[in-house]
ModelCIF file with pLDDT and N, C-alpha, C, O atoms, coordinates in Angstrom:
data_MODEL
#
_entry.id   MODEL 
#
_entity.id                         1 
_entity.type                       polymer 
_entity.pdbx_number_of_molecules   1 
#
_entity_poly.entity_id                      1 
_entity_poly.type                           'polypeptide(L)' 
_entity_poly.nstd_linkage                   no 
_entity_poly.nstd_monomer                   no 
_entity_poly.pdbx_seq_one_letter_code       YAGSFDPFTEGHLHVVKTAAGICEKIVIGIGINPNKVG 
_entity_poly.pdbx_seq_one_letter_code_can   YAGSFDPFTEGHLHVVKTAAGICEKIVIGIGINPNKVG 
_entity_poly.pdbx_strand_id                 A 
#
loop_
_entity_poly_seq.entity_id 
_entity_poly_seq.num 
_entity_poly_seq.mon_id 
_entity_poly_seq.hetero 
1 1  TYR n 
1 2  ALA n 
1 3  GLY n 
1 4  SER n 
1 5  PHE n 
1 6  ASP n 
1 7  PRO n 
1 8  PHE n 
1 9  THR n 
1 10 GLU n 
1 11 GLY n 
1 12 HIS n 
1 13 LEU n 
1 14 HIS n 
1 15 VAL n 
1 16 VAL n 
1 17 LYS n 
1 18 THR n 
1 19 ALA n 
1 20 ALA n 
1 21 GLY n 
1 22 ILE n 
1 23 CYS n 
1 24 GLU n 
1 25 LYS n 
1 26 ILE n 
1 27 VAL n 
1 28 ILE n 
1 29 GLY n 
1 30 ILE n 
1 31 GLY n 
1 32 ILE n 
1 33 ASN n 
1 34 PRO n 
1 35 ASN n 
1 36 LYS n 
1 37 VAL n 
1 38 GLY n 
#
_struct_asym.id          A 
_struct_asym.entity_id   1 
#
loop_
_ma_qa_metric.id 
_ma_qa_metric.mode 
_ma_qa_metric.name 
_ma_qa_metric.software_group_id 
_ma_qa_metric.type 
1 global pLDDT . pLDDT 
2 local  pLDDT . pLDDT 
#
_ma_qa_metric_global.metric_id      1 
_ma_qa_metric_global.metric_value   90.18 
_ma_qa_metric_global.model_id       1 
_ma_qa_metric_global.ordinal_id     1 
#
loop_
_ma_qa_metric_local.label_asym_id 
_ma_qa_metric_local.label_comp_id 
_ma_qa_metric_local.label_seq_id 
_ma_qa_metric_local.metric_id 
_ma_qa_metric_local.metric_value 
_ma_qa_metric_local.model_id 
_ma_qa_metric_local.ordinal_id 
A TYR 1  2 98.00 1 1  
A ALA 2  2 96.00 1 2  
A GLY 3  2 93.00 1 3  
A SER 4  2 90.00 1 4  
A PHE 5  2 93.00 1 5  
A ASP 6  2 90.00 1 6  
A PRO 7  2 94.00 1 7  
A PHE 8  2 96.00 1 8  
A THR 9  2 95.00 1 9  
A GLU 10 2 96.00 1 10 
A GLY 11 2 95.00 1 11 
A HIS 12 2 96.00 1 12 
A LEU 13 2 97.00 1 13 
A HIS 14 2 96.00 1 14 
A VAL 15 2 97.00 1 15 
A VAL 16 2 98.00 1 16 
A LYS 17 2 98.00 1 17 
A THR 18 2 97.00 1 18 
A ALA 19 2 98.00 1 19 
A ALA 20 2 98.00 1 20 
A GLY 21 2 97.00 1 21 
A ILE 22 2 96.00 1 22 
A CYS 23 2 97.00 1 23 
A GLU 24 2 97.00 1 24 
A LYS 25 2 98.00 1 25 
A ILE 26 2 98.00 1 26 
A VAL 27 2 98.00 1 27 
A ILE 28 2 98.00 1 28 
A GLY 29 2 97.00 1 29 
A ILE 30 2 96.00 1 30 
A GLY 31 2 91.00 1 31 
A ILE 32 2 77.00 1 32 
A ASN 33 2 63.00 1 33 
A PRO 34 2 66.00 1 34 
A ASN 35 2 64.00 1 35 
A LYS 36 2 62.00 1 36 
A VAL 37 2 61.00 1 37 
A GLY 38 2 60.00 1 38 
#
loop_
_atom_site.group_PDB 
_atom_site.id 
_atom_site.type_symbol 
_atom_site.label_atom_id 
_atom_site.label_alt_id 
_atom_site.label_comp_id 
_atom_site.label_asym_id 
_atom_site.label_entity_id 
_atom_site.label_seq_id 
_atom_site.pdbx_PDB_ins_code 
_atom_site.Cartn_x 
_atom_site.Cartn_y 
_atom_site.Cartn_z 
_atom_site.occupancy 
_atom_site.B_iso_or_equiv 
_atom_site.pdbx_formal_charge 
_atom_site.auth_seq_id 
_atom_site.auth_comp_id 
_atom_site.auth_asym_id 
_atom_site.auth_atom_id 
_atom_site.pdbx_PDB_model_num 
ATOM 1   N N  . TYR A 1 1  ? -20.316 15.181 -15.933 1.00 98.00 ? 1  TYR A N  1 
ATOM 2   C CA . TYR A 1 1  ? -19.623 14.644 -14.782 1.00 98.00 ? 1  TYR A CA 1 
ATOM 3   C C  . TYR A 1 1  ? -20.726 13.775 -14.186 1.00 98.00 ? 1  TYR A C  1 
ATOM 4   O O  . TYR A 1 1  ? -21.807 14.195 -13.773 1.00 98.00 ? 1  TYR A O  1 
ATOM 5   N N  . ALA A 1 2  ? -20.272 12.394 -14.196 1.00 96.00 ? 2  ALA A N  1 
ATOM 6   C CA . ALA A 1 2  ? -21.417 11.615 -13.927 1.00 96.00 ? 2  ALA A CA 1 
ATOM 7   C C  . ALA A 1 2  ? -21.258 11.017 -12.301 1.00 96.00 ? 2  ALA A C  1 
ATOM 8   O O  . ALA A 1 2  ? -20.119 10.797 -11.888 1.00 96.00 ? 2  ALA A O  1 
ATOM 9   N N  . GLY A 1 3  ? -22.473 10.760 -11.387 1.00 93.00 ? 3  GLY A N  1 
ATOM 10  C CA . GLY A 1 3  ? -22.417 10.039 -10.371 1.00 93.00 ? 3  GLY A CA 1 
ATOM 11  C C  . GLY A 1 3  ? -23.844 9.806  -9.887  1.00 93.00 ? 3  GLY A C  1 
ATOM 12  O O  . GLY A 1 3  ? -24.785 10.313 -10.497 1.00 93.00 ? 3  GLY A O  1 
ATOM 13  N N  . SER A 1 4  ? -24.069 8.880  -8.562  1.00 90.00 ? 4  SER A N  1 
ATOM 14  C CA . SER A 1 4  ? -25.334 8.688  -8.128  1.00 90.00 ? 4  SER A CA 1 
ATOM 15  C C  . SER A 1 4  ? -25.794 9.823  -7.221  1.00 90.00 ? 4  SER A C  1 
ATOM 16  O O  . SER A 1 4  ? -26.955 9.913  -6.821  1.00 90.00 ? 4  SER A O  1 
ATOM 17  N N  . PHE A 1 5  ? -24.733 10.768 -6.886  1.00 93.00 ? 5  PHE A N  1 
ATOM 18  C CA . PHE A 1 5  ? -25.104 12.103 -6.282  1.00 93.00 ? 5  PHE A CA 1 
ATOM 19  C C  . PHE A 1 5  ? -26.253 11.986 -5.292  1.00 93.00 ? 5  PHE A C  1 
ATOM 20  O O  . PHE A 1 5  ? -27.246 12.702 -5.165  1.00 93.00 ? 5  PHE A O  1 
ATOM 21  N N  . ASP A 1 6  ? -25.882 10.942 -4.647  1.00 90.00 ? 6  ASP A N  1 
ATOM 22  C CA . ASP A 1 6  ? -26.972 10.622 -3.583  1.00 90.00 ? 6  ASP A CA 1 
ATOM 23  C C  . ASP A 1 6  ? -26.744 10.340 -1.774  1.00 90.00 ? 6  ASP A C  1 
ATOM 24  O O  . ASP A 1 6  ? -26.911 9.286  -1.161  1.00 90.00 ? 6  ASP A O  1 
ATOM 25  N N  . PRO A 1 7  ? -26.275 11.807 -1.198  1.00 94.00 ? 7  PRO A N  1 
ATOM 26  C CA . PRO A 1 7  ? -26.855 13.010 -1.933  1.00 94.00 ? 7  PRO A CA 1 
ATOM 27  C C  . PRO A 1 7  ? -25.539 13.765 -2.736  1.00 94.00 ? 7  PRO A C  1 
ATOM 28  O O  . PRO A 1 7  ? -24.371 13.377 -2.701  1.00 94.00 ? 7  PRO A O  1 
ATOM 29  N N  . PHE A 1 8  ? -26.011 14.818 -3.383  1.00 96.00 ? 8  PHE A N  1 
ATOM 30  C CA . PHE A 1 8  ? -25.033 15.669 -3.991  1.00 96.00 ? 8  PHE A CA 1 
ATOM 31  C C  . PHE A 1 8  ? -24.258 16.530 -2.838  1.00 96.00 ? 8  PHE A C  1 
ATOM 32  O O  . PHE A 1 8  ? -24.929 17.319 -2.173  1.00 96.00 ? 8  PHE A O  1 
ATOM 33  N N  . THR A 1 9  ? -22.819 16.390 -2.581  1.00 95.00 ? 9  THR A N  1 
ATOM 34  C CA . THR A 1 9  ? -22.163 17.042 -1.478  1.00 95.00 ? 9  THR A CA 1 
ATOM 35  C C  . THR A 1 9  ? -21.271 18.322 -1.660  1.00 95.00 ? 9  THR A C  1 
ATOM 36  O O  . THR A 1 9  ? -21.100 18.563 -2.855  1.00 95.00 ? 9  THR A O  1 
ATOM 37  N N  . GLU A 1 10 ? -20.824 18.964 -1.050  1.00 96.00 ? 10 GLU A N  1 
ATOM 38  C CA . GLU A 1 10 ? -19.926 20.083 -1.382  1.00 96.00 ? 10 GLU A CA 1 
ATOM 39  C C  . GLU A 1 10 ? -18.677 19.774 -1.981  1.00 96.00 ? 10 GLU A C  1 
ATOM 40  O O  . GLU A 1 10 ? -18.035 20.648 -2.563  1.00 96.00 ? 10 GLU A O  1 
ATOM 41  N N  . GLY A 1 11 ? -18.293 18.643 -1.889  1.00 95.00 ? 11 GLY A N  1 
ATOM 42  C CA . GLY A 1 11 ? -17.416 17.972 -2.600  1.00 95.00 ? 11 GLY A CA 1 
ATOM 43  C C  . GLY A 1 11 ? -17.628 17.904 -4.236  1.00 95.00 ? 11 GLY A C  1 
ATOM 44  O O  . GLY A 1 11 ? -16.811 18.234 -5.096  1.00 95.00 ? 11 GLY A O  1 
ATOM 45  N N  . HIS A 1 12 ? -18.913 17.398 -4.409  1.00 96.00 ? 12 HIS A N  1 
ATOM 46  C CA . HIS A 1 12 ? -19.273 17.538 -5.787  1.00 96.00 ? 12 HIS A CA 1 
ATOM 47  C C  . HIS A 1 12 ? -19.446 18.622 -6.231  1.00 96.00 ? 12 HIS A C  1 
ATOM 48  O O  . HIS A 1 12 ? -19.256 18.661 -7.447  1.00 96.00 ? 12 HIS A O  1 
ATOM 49  N N  . LEU A 1 13 ? -19.838 19.903 -5.610  1.00 97.00 ? 13 LEU A N  1 
ATOM 50  C CA . LEU A 1 13 ? -20.148 21.063 -6.023  1.00 97.00 ? 13 LEU A CA 1 
ATOM 51  C C  . LEU A 1 13 ? -18.663 21.877 -6.241  1.00 97.00 ? 13 LEU A C  1 
ATOM 52  O O  . LEU A 1 13 ? -18.577 22.802 -7.049  1.00 97.00 ? 13 LEU A O  1 
ATOM 53  N N  . HIS A 1 14 ? -17.854 21.556 -5.668  1.00 96.00 ? 14 HIS A N  1 
ATOM 54  C CA . HIS A 1 14 ? -16.534 22.110 -5.751  1.00 96.00 ? 14 HIS A CA 1 
ATOM 55  C C  . HIS A 1 14 ? -16.125 21.578 -7.137  1.00 96.00 ? 14 HIS A C  1 
ATOM 56  O O  . HIS A 1 14 ? -15.621 22.452 -7.842  1.00 96.00 ? 14 HIS A O  1 
ATOM 57  N N  . VAL A 1 15 ? -16.228 20.223 -7.764  1.00 97.00 ? 15 VAL A N  1 
ATOM 58  C CA . VAL A 1 15 ? -15.711 19.501 -8.798  1.00 97.00 ? 15 VAL A CA 1 
ATOM 59  C C  . VAL A 1 15 ? -16.550 20.483 -9.528  1.00 97.00 ? 15 VAL A C  1 
ATOM 60  O O  . VAL A 1 15 ? -15.871 21.264 -10.194 1.00 97.00 ? 15 VAL A O  1 
ATOM 61  N N  . VAL A 1 16 ? -17.822 20.666 -9.593  1.00 98.00 ? 16 VAL A N  1 
ATOM 62  C CA . VAL A 1 16 ? -18.633 21.116 -10.674 1.00 98.00 ? 16 VAL A CA 1 
ATOM 63  C C  . VAL A 1 16 ? -18.279 22.816 -11.041 1.00 98.00 ? 16 VAL A C  1 
ATOM 64  O O  . VAL A 1 16 ? -18.388 23.264 -12.183 1.00 98.00 ? 16 VAL A O  1 
ATOM 65  N N  . LYS A 1 17 ? -17.882 23.564 -9.965  1.00 98.00 ? 17 LYS A N  1 
ATOM 66  C CA . LYS A 1 17 ? -17.324 24.668 -10.042 1.00 98.00 ? 17 LYS A CA 1 
ATOM 67  C C  . LYS A 1 17 ? -15.825 24.590 -10.824 1.00 98.00 ? 17 LYS A C  1 
ATOM 68  O O  . LYS A 1 17 ? -15.523 25.287 -11.792 1.00 98.00 ? 17 LYS A O  1 
ATOM 69  N N  . THR A 1 18 ? -15.221 23.886 -10.375 1.00 97.00 ? 18 THR A N  1 
ATOM 70  C CA . THR A 1 18 ? -13.783 23.806 -11.166 1.00 97.00 ? 18 THR A CA 1 
ATOM 71  C C  . THR A 1 18 ? -13.783 23.448 -12.468 1.00 97.00 ? 18 THR A C  1 
ATOM 72  O O  . THR A 1 18 ? -12.996 23.903 -13.298 1.00 97.00 ? 18 THR A O  1 
ATOM 73  N N  . ALA A 1 19 ? -14.786 22.504 -12.725 1.00 98.00 ? 19 ALA A N  1 
ATOM 74  C CA . ALA A 1 19 ? -15.126 22.088 -14.349 1.00 98.00 ? 19 ALA A CA 1 
ATOM 75  C C  . ALA A 1 19 ? -15.696 22.896 -14.904 1.00 98.00 ? 19 ALA A C  1 
ATOM 76  O O  . ALA A 1 19 ? -15.704 22.704 -16.120 1.00 98.00 ? 19 ALA A O  1 
ATOM 77  N N  . ALA A 1 20 ? -16.362 24.020 -14.481 1.00 98.00 ? 20 ALA A N  1 
ATOM 78  C CA . ALA A 1 20 ? -17.557 24.858 -15.283 1.00 98.00 ? 20 ALA A CA 1 
ATOM 79  C C  . ALA A 1 20 ? -16.375 26.021 -15.463 1.00 98.00 ? 20 ALA A C  1 
ATOM 80  O O  . ALA A 1 20 ? -16.656 26.891 -16.287 1.00 98.00 ? 20 ALA A O  1 
ATOM 81  N N  . GLY A 1 21 ? -15.384 26.114 -14.949 1.00 97.00 ? 21 GLY A N  1 
ATOM 82  C CA . GLY A 1 21 ? -14.141 27.074 -15.303 1.00 97.00 ? 21 GLY A CA 1 
ATOM 83  C C  . GLY A 1 21 ? -13.364 26.582 -16.387 1.00 97.00 ? 21 GLY A C  1 
ATOM 84  O O  . GLY A 1 21 ? -12.787 27.384 -17.121 1.00 97.00 ? 21 GLY A O  1 
ATOM 85  N N  . ILE A 1 22 ? -13.277 25.264 -16.587 1.00 96.00 ? 22 ILE A N  1 
ATOM 86  C CA . ILE A 1 22 ? -12.242 24.661 -17.715 1.00 96.00 ? 22 ILE A CA 1 
ATOM 87  C C  . ILE A 1 22 ? -13.114 24.528 -18.840 1.00 96.00 ? 22 ILE A C  1 
ATOM 88  O O  . ILE A 1 22 ? -12.767 24.994 -19.925 1.00 96.00 ? 22 ILE A O  1 
ATOM 89  N N  . CYS A 1 23 ? -14.297 23.896 -18.687 1.00 97.00 ? 23 CYS A N  1 
ATOM 90  C CA . CYS A 1 23 ? -15.184 23.520 -19.931 1.00 97.00 ? 23 CYS A CA 1 
ATOM 91  C C  . CYS A 1 23 ? -16.072 24.623 -20.378 1.00 97.00 ? 23 CYS A C  1 
ATOM 92  O O  . CYS A 1 23 ? -16.274 25.529 -19.570 1.00 97.00 ? 23 CYS A O  1 
ATOM 93  N N  . GLU A 1 24 ? -16.690 24.685 -21.672 1.00 97.00 ? 24 GLU A N  1 
ATOM 94  C CA . GLU A 1 24 ? -17.735 25.396 -21.826 1.00 97.00 ? 24 GLU A CA 1 
ATOM 95  C C  . GLU A 1 24 ? -18.935 25.434 -21.442 1.00 97.00 ? 24 GLU A C  1 
ATOM 96  O O  . GLU A 1 24 ? -19.638 26.421 -21.225 1.00 97.00 ? 24 GLU A O  1 
ATOM 97  N N  . LYS A 1 25 ? -19.243 24.031 -21.331 1.00 98.00 ? 25 LYS A N  1 
ATOM 98  C CA . LYS A 1 25 ? -20.511 23.463 -20.839 1.00 98.00 ? 25 LYS A CA 1 
ATOM 99  C C  . LYS A 1 25 ? -20.101 22.145 -20.027 1.00 98.00 ? 25 LYS A C  1 
ATOM 100 O O  . LYS A 1 25 ? -19.295 21.285 -20.381 1.00 98.00 ? 25 LYS A O  1 
ATOM 101 N N  . ILE A 1 26 ? -20.843 22.199 -18.871 1.00 98.00 ? 26 ILE A N  1 
ATOM 102 C CA . ILE A 1 26 ? -20.809 20.777 -17.977 1.00 98.00 ? 26 ILE A CA 1 
ATOM 103 C C  . ILE A 1 26 ? -22.131 20.131 -17.889 1.00 98.00 ? 26 ILE A C  1 
ATOM 104 O O  . ILE A 1 26 ? -23.070 20.818 -17.487 1.00 98.00 ? 26 ILE A O  1 
ATOM 105 N N  . VAL A 1 27 ? -22.341 18.807 -18.235 1.00 98.00 ? 27 VAL A N  1 
ATOM 106 C CA . VAL A 1 27 ? -23.517 18.210 -18.065 1.00 98.00 ? 27 VAL A CA 1 
ATOM 107 C C  . VAL A 1 27 ? -23.266 17.394 -16.626 1.00 98.00 ? 27 VAL A C  1 
ATOM 108 O O  . VAL A 1 27 ? -22.233 16.750 -16.445 1.00 98.00 ? 27 VAL A O  1 
ATOM 109 N N  . ILE A 1 28 ? -24.140 17.473 -15.798 1.00 98.00 ? 28 ILE A N  1 
ATOM 110 C CA . ILE A 1 28 ? -24.266 16.608 -14.438 1.00 98.00 ? 28 ILE A CA 1 
ATOM 111 C C  . ILE A 1 28 ? -25.117 15.356 -14.830 1.00 98.00 ? 28 ILE A C  1 
ATOM 112 O O  . ILE A 1 28 ? -26.342 15.353 -14.945 1.00 98.00 ? 28 ILE A O  1 
ATOM 113 N N  . GLY A 1 29 ? -24.224 14.219 -15.028 1.00 97.00 ? 29 GLY A N  1 
ATOM 114 C CA . GLY A 1 29 ? -25.282 12.783 -15.340 1.00 97.00 ? 29 GLY A CA 1 
ATOM 115 C C  . GLY A 1 29 ? -25.772 12.284 -13.849 1.00 97.00 ? 29 GLY A C  1 
ATOM 116 O O  . GLY A 1 29 ? -24.936 11.682 -13.174 1.00 97.00 ? 29 GLY A O  1 
ATOM 117 N N  . ILE A 1 30 ? -26.954 12.481 -13.356 1.00 96.00 ? 30 ILE A N  1 
ATOM 118 C CA . ILE A 1 30 ? -27.446 11.500 -12.430 1.00 96.00 ? 30 ILE A CA 1 
ATOM 119 C C  . ILE A 1 30 ? -27.502 10.368 -12.960 1.00 96.00 ? 30 ILE A C  1 
ATOM 120 O O  . ILE A 1 30 ? -28.175 10.303 -13.988 1.00 96.00 ? 30 ILE A O  1 
ATOM 121 N N  . GLY A 1 31 ? -26.864 9.161  -12.485 1.00 91.00 ? 31 GLY A N  1 
ATOM 122 C CA . GLY A 1 31 ? -26.926 7.809  -12.924 1.00 91.00 ? 31 GLY A CA 1 
ATOM 123 C C  . GLY A 1 31 ? -27.210 6.901  -12.013 1.00 91.00 ? 31 GLY A C  1 
ATOM 124 O O  . GLY A 1 31 ? -27.133 7.301  -10.852 1.00 91.00 ? 31 GLY A O  1 
ATOM 125 N N  . ILE A 1 32 ? -27.603 5.484  -12.225 1.00 77.00 ? 32 ILE A N  1 
ATOM 126 C CA . ILE A 1 32 ? -28.052 4.775  -11.273 1.00 77.00 ? 32 ILE A CA 1 
ATOM 127 C C  . ILE A 1 32 ? -26.781 3.858  -11.146 1.00 77.00 ? 32 ILE A C  1 
ATOM 128 O O  . ILE A 1 32 ? -26.183 3.492  -12.157 1.00 77.00 ? 32 ILE A O  1 
ATOM 129 N N  . ASN A 1 33 ? -26.355 3.469  -9.800  1.00 63.00 ? 33 ASN A N  1 
ATOM 130 C CA . ASN A 1 33 ? -24.966 2.860  -9.531  1.00 63.00 ? 33 ASN A CA 1 
ATOM 131 C C  . ASN A 1 33 ? -25.886 1.408  -9.097  1.00 63.00 ? 33 ASN A C  1 
ATOM 132 O O  . ASN A 1 33 ? -26.781 1.407  -8.252  1.00 63.00 ? 33 ASN A O  1 
ATOM 133 N N  . PRO A 1 34 ? -25.503 0.395  -9.761  1.00 66.00 ? 34 PRO A N  1 
ATOM 134 C CA . PRO A 1 34 ? -26.185 -0.892 -9.446  1.00 66.00 ? 34 PRO A CA 1 
ATOM 135 C C  . PRO A 1 34 ? -25.488 -1.190 -7.985  1.00 66.00 ? 34 PRO A C  1 
ATOM 136 O O  . PRO A 1 34 ? -26.273 -1.747 -7.218  1.00 66.00 ? 34 PRO A O  1 
ATOM 137 N N  . ASN A 1 35 ? -24.546 -1.008 -7.589  1.00 64.00 ? 35 ASN A N  1 
ATOM 138 C CA . ASN A 1 35 ? -23.650 -1.539 -6.585  1.00 64.00 ? 35 ASN A CA 1 
ATOM 139 C C  . ASN A 1 35 ? -24.532 -0.959 -5.287  1.00 64.00 ? 35 ASN A C  1 
ATOM 140 O O  . ASN A 1 35 ? -24.775 -1.582 -4.253  1.00 64.00 ? 35 ASN A O  1 
ATOM 141 N N  . LYS A 1 36 ? -24.951 0.424  -5.627  1.00 62.00 ? 36 LYS A N  1 
ATOM 142 C CA . LYS A 1 36 ? -25.925 1.221  -4.309  1.00 62.00 ? 36 LYS A CA 1 
ATOM 143 C C  . LYS A 1 36 ? -26.986 1.267  -4.384  1.00 62.00 ? 36 LYS A C  1 
ATOM 144 O O  . LYS A 1 36 ? -27.454 1.392  -5.516  1.00 62.00 ? 36 LYS A O  1 
ATOM 145 N N  . VAL A 1 37 ? -27.952 1.185  -3.160  1.00 61.00 ? 37 VAL A N  1 
ATOM 146 C CA . VAL A 1 37 ? -29.400 1.101  -3.349  1.00 61.00 ? 37 VAL A CA 1 
ATOM 147 C C  . VAL A 1 37 ? -29.646 2.725  -2.874  1.00 61.00 ? 37 VAL A C  1 
ATOM 148 O O  . VAL A 1 37 ? -29.289 3.207  -1.799  1.00 61.00 ? 37 VAL A O  1 
ATOM 149 N N  . GLY A 1 38 ? -30.410 3.482  -4.064  1.00 60.00 ? 38 GLY A N  1 
ATOM 150 C CA . GLY A 1 38 ? -30.934 4.761  -3.979  1.00 60.00 ? 38 GLY A CA 1 
ATOM 151 C C  . GLY A 1 38 ? -31.703 5.181  -2.783  1.00 60.00 ? 38 GLY A C  1 
ATOM 152 O O  . GLY A 1 38 ? -32.166 6.320  -2.715  1.00 60.00 ? 38 GLY A O  1 
#
C-alpha cells in the first residue's frame, strides 16, 4: 500500500485495516510524490 501519507489519515487507516484482513501481510510504503512538496 503505497502513498506519500503526508499526513496519514483515518481514511488511510481504514484501507490498512481492511487490507490486513485480506492479506497475510501488508507493507505500507511511504514514497516521495514528485508532484507534492513533502
